[in-house]
C-alpha atoms as a PDB file:
ATOM      1  CA  MET A   1      90.542 158.768 121.068  1.00  0.00           C
ATOM      2  CA  ALA A   2      89.844 157.979 124.907  1.00  0.00           C
ATOM      3  CA  ARG A   3      87.195 159.556 126.934  1.00  0.00           C
ATOM      4  CA  LYS A   4      88.339 160.289 130.652  1.00  0.00           C
ATOM      5  CA  LYS A   5      86.326 160.455 133.709  1.00  0.00           C
ATOM      6  CA  TYR A   6      86.238 159.218 137.452  1.00  0.00           C
ATOM      7  CA  THR A   7      83.137 158.028 139.508  1.00  0.00           C
ATOM      8  CA  ILE A   8      82.773 156.986 143.361  1.00  0.00           C
ATOM      9  CA  ASP A   9      81.592 153.426 142.987  1.00  0.00           C
ATOM     10  CA  LYS A  10      80.154 151.840 146.032  1.00  0.00           C
ATOM     11  CA  SER A  11      82.712 151.147 148.179  1.00  0.00           C
ATOM     12  CA  GLY A  12      84.444 155.454 148.188  1.00  0.00           C
ATOM     13  CA  PHE A  13      87.155 154.537 145.661  1.00  0.00           C
ATOM     14  CA  VAL A  14      87.641 157.123 142.724  1.00  0.00           C
ATOM     15  CA  ARG A  15      87.733 154.880 140.055  1.00  0.00           C
ATOM     16  CA  PHE A  16      90.120 156.414 136.433  1.00  0.00           C
ATOM     17  CA  LEU A  17      88.517 154.756 133.433  1.00  0.00           C
ATOM     18  CA  THR A  18      90.149 155.394 129.841  1.00  0.00           C
ATOM     19  CA  LYS A  19      88.589 154.008 127.178  1.00  0.00           C
ATOM     20  CA  PHE A  20      90.692 153.386 124.166  1.00  0.00           C
ATOM     21  CA  LYS A  21      89.367 152.308 120.840  1.00  0.00           C
ATOM     22  CA  ALA A  22      92.343 150.134 119.960  1.00  0.00           C
ATOM     23  CA  TRP A  23      94.761 150.396 123.068  1.00  0.00           C
ATOM     24  CA  LYS A  24      95.540 146.897 122.602  1.00  0.00           C
ATOM     25  CA  GLY A  25      99.047 146.822 121.188  1.00  0.00           C
ATOM     26  CA  ARG A  26      99.995 149.967 121.699  1.00  0.00           C
ATOM     27  CA  ARG A  27     102.470 149.527 124.950  1.00  0.00           C
ATOM     28  CA  PRO A  28      99.867 148.698 127.244  1.00  0.00           C
ATOM     29  CA  GLN A  29     102.437 148.340 129.823  1.00  0.00           C
ATOM     30  CA  GLU A  30     103.111 151.496 129.400  1.00  0.00           C
ATOM     31  CA  VAL A  31      99.817 153.407 129.623  1.00  0.00           C
ATOM     32  CA  ALA A  32      99.320 151.034 132.725  1.00  0.00           C
ATOM     33  CA  GLN A  33     102.719 152.853 134.395  1.00  0.00           C
ATOM     34  CA  ALA A  34     101.722 155.943 133.426  1.00  0.00           C
ATOM     35  CA  LEU A  35      97.764 155.476 134.856  1.00  0.00           C
ATOM     36  CA  SER A  36      99.563 153.912 137.764  1.00  0.00           C
ATOM     37  CA  ALA A  37     101.657 156.877 138.091  1.00  0.00           C
ATOM     38  CA  GLY A  38      98.159 159.469 137.760  1.00  0.00           C
ATOM     39  CA  ALA A  39      97.280 157.569 140.978  1.00  0.00           C
ATOM     40  CA  GLU A  40      99.873 158.566 142.865  1.00  0.00           C
ATOM     41  CA  LEU A  41      99.672 161.750 141.978  1.00  0.00           C
ATOM     42  CA  VAL A  42      95.666 162.147 143.352  1.00  0.00           C
ATOM     43  CA  ILE A  43      97.364 160.257 146.462  1.00  0.00           C
ATOM     44  CA  ARG A  44      99.896 162.805 146.888  1.00  0.00           C
ATOM     45  CA  ARG A  45      97.095 165.638 146.782  1.00  0.00           C
ATOM     46  CA  ALA A  46      94.932 164.433 148.651  1.00  0.00           C
ATOM     47  CA  GLN A  47      97.392 163.733 151.723  1.00  0.00           C
ATOM     48  CA  THR A  48      99.424 167.154 151.156  1.00  0.00           C
ATOM     49  CA  HIS A  49      95.967 169.501 150.407  1.00  0.00           C
ATOM     50  CA  TYR A  50      93.010 168.217 151.110  1.00  0.00           C
ATOM     51  CA  LEU A  51      93.192 166.206 154.840  1.00  0.00           C
ATOM     52  CA  THR A  52      95.779 168.607 155.928  1.00  0.00           C
ATOM     53  CA  GLY A  53      93.469 171.179 156.241  1.00  0.00           C
ATOM     54  CA  ALA A  54      92.045 172.632 153.658  1.00  0.00           C
ATOM     55  CA  SER A  55      88.791 169.756 153.754  1.00  0.00           C
ATOM     56  CA  LEU A  56      89.398 168.059 156.711  1.00  0.00           C
ATOM     57  CA  LYS A  57      91.911 169.029 160.316  1.00  0.00           C
ATOM     58  CA  VAL A  58      94.394 166.248 160.957  1.00  0.00           C
ATOM     59  CA  ARG A  59      93.188 164.174 164.307  1.00  0.00           C
ATOM     60  CA  SER A  60      94.948 161.136 163.668  1.00  0.00           C
ATOM     61  CA  GLY A  61      96.246 161.195 160.324  1.00  0.00           C
ATOM     62  CA  ARG A  62      94.977 157.545 159.933  1.00  0.00           C
ATOM     63  CA  LEU A  63      92.711 158.496 156.950  1.00  0.00           C
ATOM     64  CA  ARG A  64      96.034 160.413 155.311  1.00  0.00           C
ATOM     65  CA  SER A  65      98.223 157.225 155.856  1.00  0.00           C
ATOM     66  CA  SER A  66      95.731 155.210 154.863  1.00  0.00           C
ATOM     67  CA  LEU A  67      95.451 156.329 151.260  1.00  0.00           C
ATOM     68  CA  ARG A  68      96.799 153.271 148.840  1.00  0.00           C
ATOM     69  CA  LYS A  69      95.907 152.729 144.902  1.00  0.00           C
ATOM     70  CA  GLU A  70      94.830 149.034 143.496  1.00  0.00           C
ATOM     71  CA  PRO A  71      96.543 147.855 142.186  1.00  0.00           C
ATOM     72  CA  ALA A  72      99.730 148.507 143.635  1.00  0.00           C
ATOM     73  CA  SER A  73     101.332 148.516 140.648  1.00  0.00           C
ATOM     74  CA  GLY A  74     100.128 148.796 136.850  1.00  0.00           C
ATOM     75  CA  ALA A  75      96.582 148.432 136.180  1.00  0.00           C
ATOM     76  CA  THR A  76      93.761 146.645 135.410  1.00  0.00           C
ATOM     77  CA  VAL A  77      92.435 145.249 132.711  1.00  0.00           C
ATOM     78  CA  GLU A  78      88.488 144.319 132.097  1.00  0.00           C
ATOM     79  CA  GLY A  79      87.801 144.461 128.191  1.00  0.00           C
ATOM     80  CA  ASN A  80      88.516 147.850 126.738  1.00  0.00           C
ATOM     81  CA  LYS A  81      88.741 149.128 130.105  1.00  0.00           C
ATOM     82  CA  MET A  82      91.829 149.860 131.995  1.00  0.00           C
ATOM     83  CA  TYR A  83      91.692 151.485 135.140  1.00  0.00           C
ATOM     84  CA  VAL A  84      93.330 151.962 138.344  1.00  0.00           C
ATOM     85  CA  LYS A  85      91.568 152.226 142.026  1.00  0.00           C
ATOM     86  CA  VAL A  86      92.579 155.077 144.219  1.00  0.00           C
ATOM     87  CA  GLY A  87      90.705 155.140 148.120  1.00  0.00           C
ATOM     88  CA  SER A  88      90.930 154.142 151.912  1.00  0.00           C
ATOM     89  CA  ASN A  89      89.735 151.276 153.535  1.00  0.00           C
ATOM     90  CA  VAL A  90      88.905 153.734 156.623  1.00  0.00           C
ATOM     91  CA  LEU A  91      85.019 153.383 156.937  1.00  0.00           C
ATOM     92  CA  TYR A  92      84.725 157.455 157.950  1.00  0.00           C
ATOM     93  CA  GLY A  93      86.988 158.149 154.428  1.00  0.00           C
ATOM     94  CA  LYS A  94      83.536 157.713 152.556  1.00  0.00           C
ATOM     95  CA  ALA A  95      81.334 159.229 155.094  1.00  0.00           C
ATOM     96  CA  TRP A  96      83.476 162.409 154.922  1.00  0.00           C
ATOM     97  CA  GLU A  97      83.519 162.303 151.370  1.00  0.00           C
ATOM     98  CA  LEU A  98      79.990 161.648 150.631  1.00  0.00           C
ATOM     99  CA  GLY A  99      78.189 163.008 153.616  1.00  0.00           C
ATOM    100  CA  TYR A 100      76.078 161.014 155.910  1.00  0.00           C
ATOM    101  CA  ARG A 101      72.968 161.212 158.266  1.00  0.00           C
ATOM    102  CA  VAL A 102      72.903 159.980 162.204  1.00  0.00           C
ATOM    103  CA  PRO A 103      69.366 158.784 162.960  1.00  0.00           C
ATOM    104  CA  ALA A 104      67.389 159.371 166.079  1.00  0.00           C
ATOM    105  CA  THR A 105      67.987 157.583 168.905  1.00  0.00           C
ATOM    106  CA  VAL A 106      66.449 157.371 172.446  1.00  0.00           C
ATOM    107  CA  ILE A 107      69.193 157.185 175.139  1.00  0.00           C
ATOM    108  CA  GLU A 108      68.236 154.978 178.654  1.00  0.00           C
ATOM    109  CA  PRO A 109      70.650 153.703 181.143  1.00  0.00           C
ATOM    110  CA  LYS A 110      71.588 150.140 180.971  1.00  0.00           C
ATOM    111  CA  SER A 111      71.546 148.884 184.541  1.00  0.00           C
ATOM    112  CA  LYS A 112      70.623 151.795 186.626  1.00  0.00           C
ATOM    113  CA  ARG A 113      66.887 153.502 186.831  1.00  0.00           C
ATOM    114  CA  ALA A 114      68.425 157.192 185.446  1.00  0.00           C
ATOM    115  CA  LEU A 115      70.833 158.696 183.459  1.00  0.00           C
ATOM    116  CA  SER A 116      72.831 161.864 185.944  1.00  0.00           C
ATOM    117  CA  PHE A 117      74.728 164.245 183.706  1.00  0.00           C
ATOM    118  CA  PHE A 118      76.311 168.071 184.210  1.00  0.00           C
ATOM    119  CA  HIS A 119      74.184 170.446 181.768  1.00  0.00           C
ATOM    120  CA  LYS A 120      76.220 173.113 180.535  1.00  0.00           C
ATOM    121  CA  ARG A 121      73.662 175.795 179.133  1.00  0.00           C
ATOM    122  CA  ALA A 122      71.576 174.913 182.582  1.00  0.00           C
ATOM    123  CA  GLY A 123      74.432 174.708 184.816  1.00  0.00           C
ATOM    124  CA  MET A 124      73.740 171.959 186.814  1.00  0.00           C
ATOM    125  CA  GLN A 125      73.229 168.642 187.460  1.00  0.00           C
ATOM    126  CA  VAL A 126      69.882 166.839 185.670  1.00  0.00           C
ATOM    127  CA  VAL A 127      68.812 163.191 186.559  1.00  0.00           C
ATOM    128  CA  VAL A 128      65.951 161.993 183.441  1.00  0.00           C
ATOM    129  CA  ARG A 129      64.770 158.277 182.685  1.00  0.00           C
ATOM    130  CA  ARG A 130      65.998 158.759 179.184  1.00  0.00           C
ATOM    131  CA  VAL A 131      66.913 161.337 176.341  1.00  0.00           C
ATOM    132  CA  TYR A 132      65.916 161.710 172.918  1.00  0.00           C
ATOM    133  CA  ARG A 133      68.964 162.721 170.772  1.00  0.00           C
ATOM    134  CA  PRO A 134      67.681 163.764 167.304  1.00  0.00           C
ATOM    135  CA  ALA A 135      68.465 163.220 163.876  1.00  0.00           C
ATOM    136  CA  TYR A 136      71.069 165.225 162.023  1.00  0.00           C
ATOM    137  CA  HIS A 137      72.766 165.277 158.820  1.00  0.00           C
ATOM    138  CA  VAL A 138      76.578 165.686 158.379  1.00  0.00           C
ATOM    139  CA  ASP A 139      77.581 167.551 155.117  1.00  0.00           C
ATOM    140  CA  ALA A 140      79.992 166.304 152.735  1.00  0.00           C
ATOM    141  CA  ARG A 141      83.666 167.611 153.186  1.00  0.00           C
ATOM    142  CA  PRO A 142      84.625 166.130 149.653  1.00  0.00           C
ATOM    143  CA  TRP A 143      88.454 165.583 150.001  1.00  0.00           C
ATOM    144  CA  LEU A 144      89.210 162.710 147.214  1.00  0.00           C
ATOM    145  CA  ALA A 145      87.205 163.630 144.185  1.00  0.00           C
ATOM    146  CA  PRO A 146      88.785 167.105 144.402  1.00  0.00           C
ATOM    147  CA  ALA A 147      92.537 165.555 144.627  1.00  0.00           C
ATOM    148  CA  ALA A 148      91.683 163.675 141.755  1.00  0.00           C
ATOM    149  CA  ALA A 149      89.852 166.687 139.563  1.00  0.00           C
ATOM    150  CA  ASP A 150      93.044 168.503 140.339  1.00  0.00           C
ATOM    151  CA  SER A 151      95.205 166.298 139.160  1.00  0.00           C
ATOM    152  CA  VAL A 152      93.351 165.617 135.595  1.00  0.00           C
ATOM    153  CA  PRO A 153      95.692 167.633 133.609  1.00  0.00           C
ATOM    154  CA  ALA A 154      98.731 165.739 135.127  1.00  0.00           C
ATOM    155  CA  ILE A 155      97.695 162.504 134.263  1.00  0.00           C
ATOM    156  CA  ARG A 156      95.988 164.043 130.956  1.00  0.00           C
ATOM    157  CA  LYS A 157     100.090 164.559 130.316  1.00  0.00           C
ATOM    158  CA  LEU A 158     101.323 161.243 131.665  1.00  0.00           C
ATOM    159  CA  LEU A 159      99.271 159.571 129.368  1.00  0.00           C
ATOM    160  CA  GLU A 160     100.137 161.677 126.384  1.00  0.00           C
ATOM    161  CA  ARG A 161     103.512 161.104 127.306  1.00  0.00           C
ATOM    162  CA  VAL A 162     102.790 157.321 126.504  1.00  0.00           C
ATOM    163  CA  GLY A 163     100.883 158.050 122.854  1.00  0.00           C
ATOM    164  CA  VAL A 164      97.179 158.150 124.434  1.00  0.00           C
ATOM    165  CA  LYS A 165      95.585 161.113 122.637  1.00  0.00           C
ATOM    166  CA  PHE A 166      92.741 162.706 124.035  1.00  0.00           C
END
């Protein structure tokens, strides 16, 4: 029997872990190829569904084009675990996936005595020595974990084809 789950680790990758009681000698290369194909399904689902408007709107396409799997082919083996990582090296990808908090800050002029800007609500020019910006929290807008969850049935079929039983 195999147990399958995904977790988001510190680097923001989604890791597919498949534990086998005795997968060694049971076509490990085929199992690795099936896991790698499953990672491609997750990437494709994230790119075509969650990064094109369902979760996040496309501004530059940088996050969508940065999705990769690790290793590029096959799977990593550690003891009785075999896995493939799927993720992005773009820093704001993790921020959108998990949410983030922006701390309160004080904005002061660097080289002048005061700040000057147009205040939209007041409809006039404002001159001040400093501006206090309060802290705020941006809610999570997950795009990778839902793509992985959507792909689980297809990944399960891929693994069953190579002899992995659940």
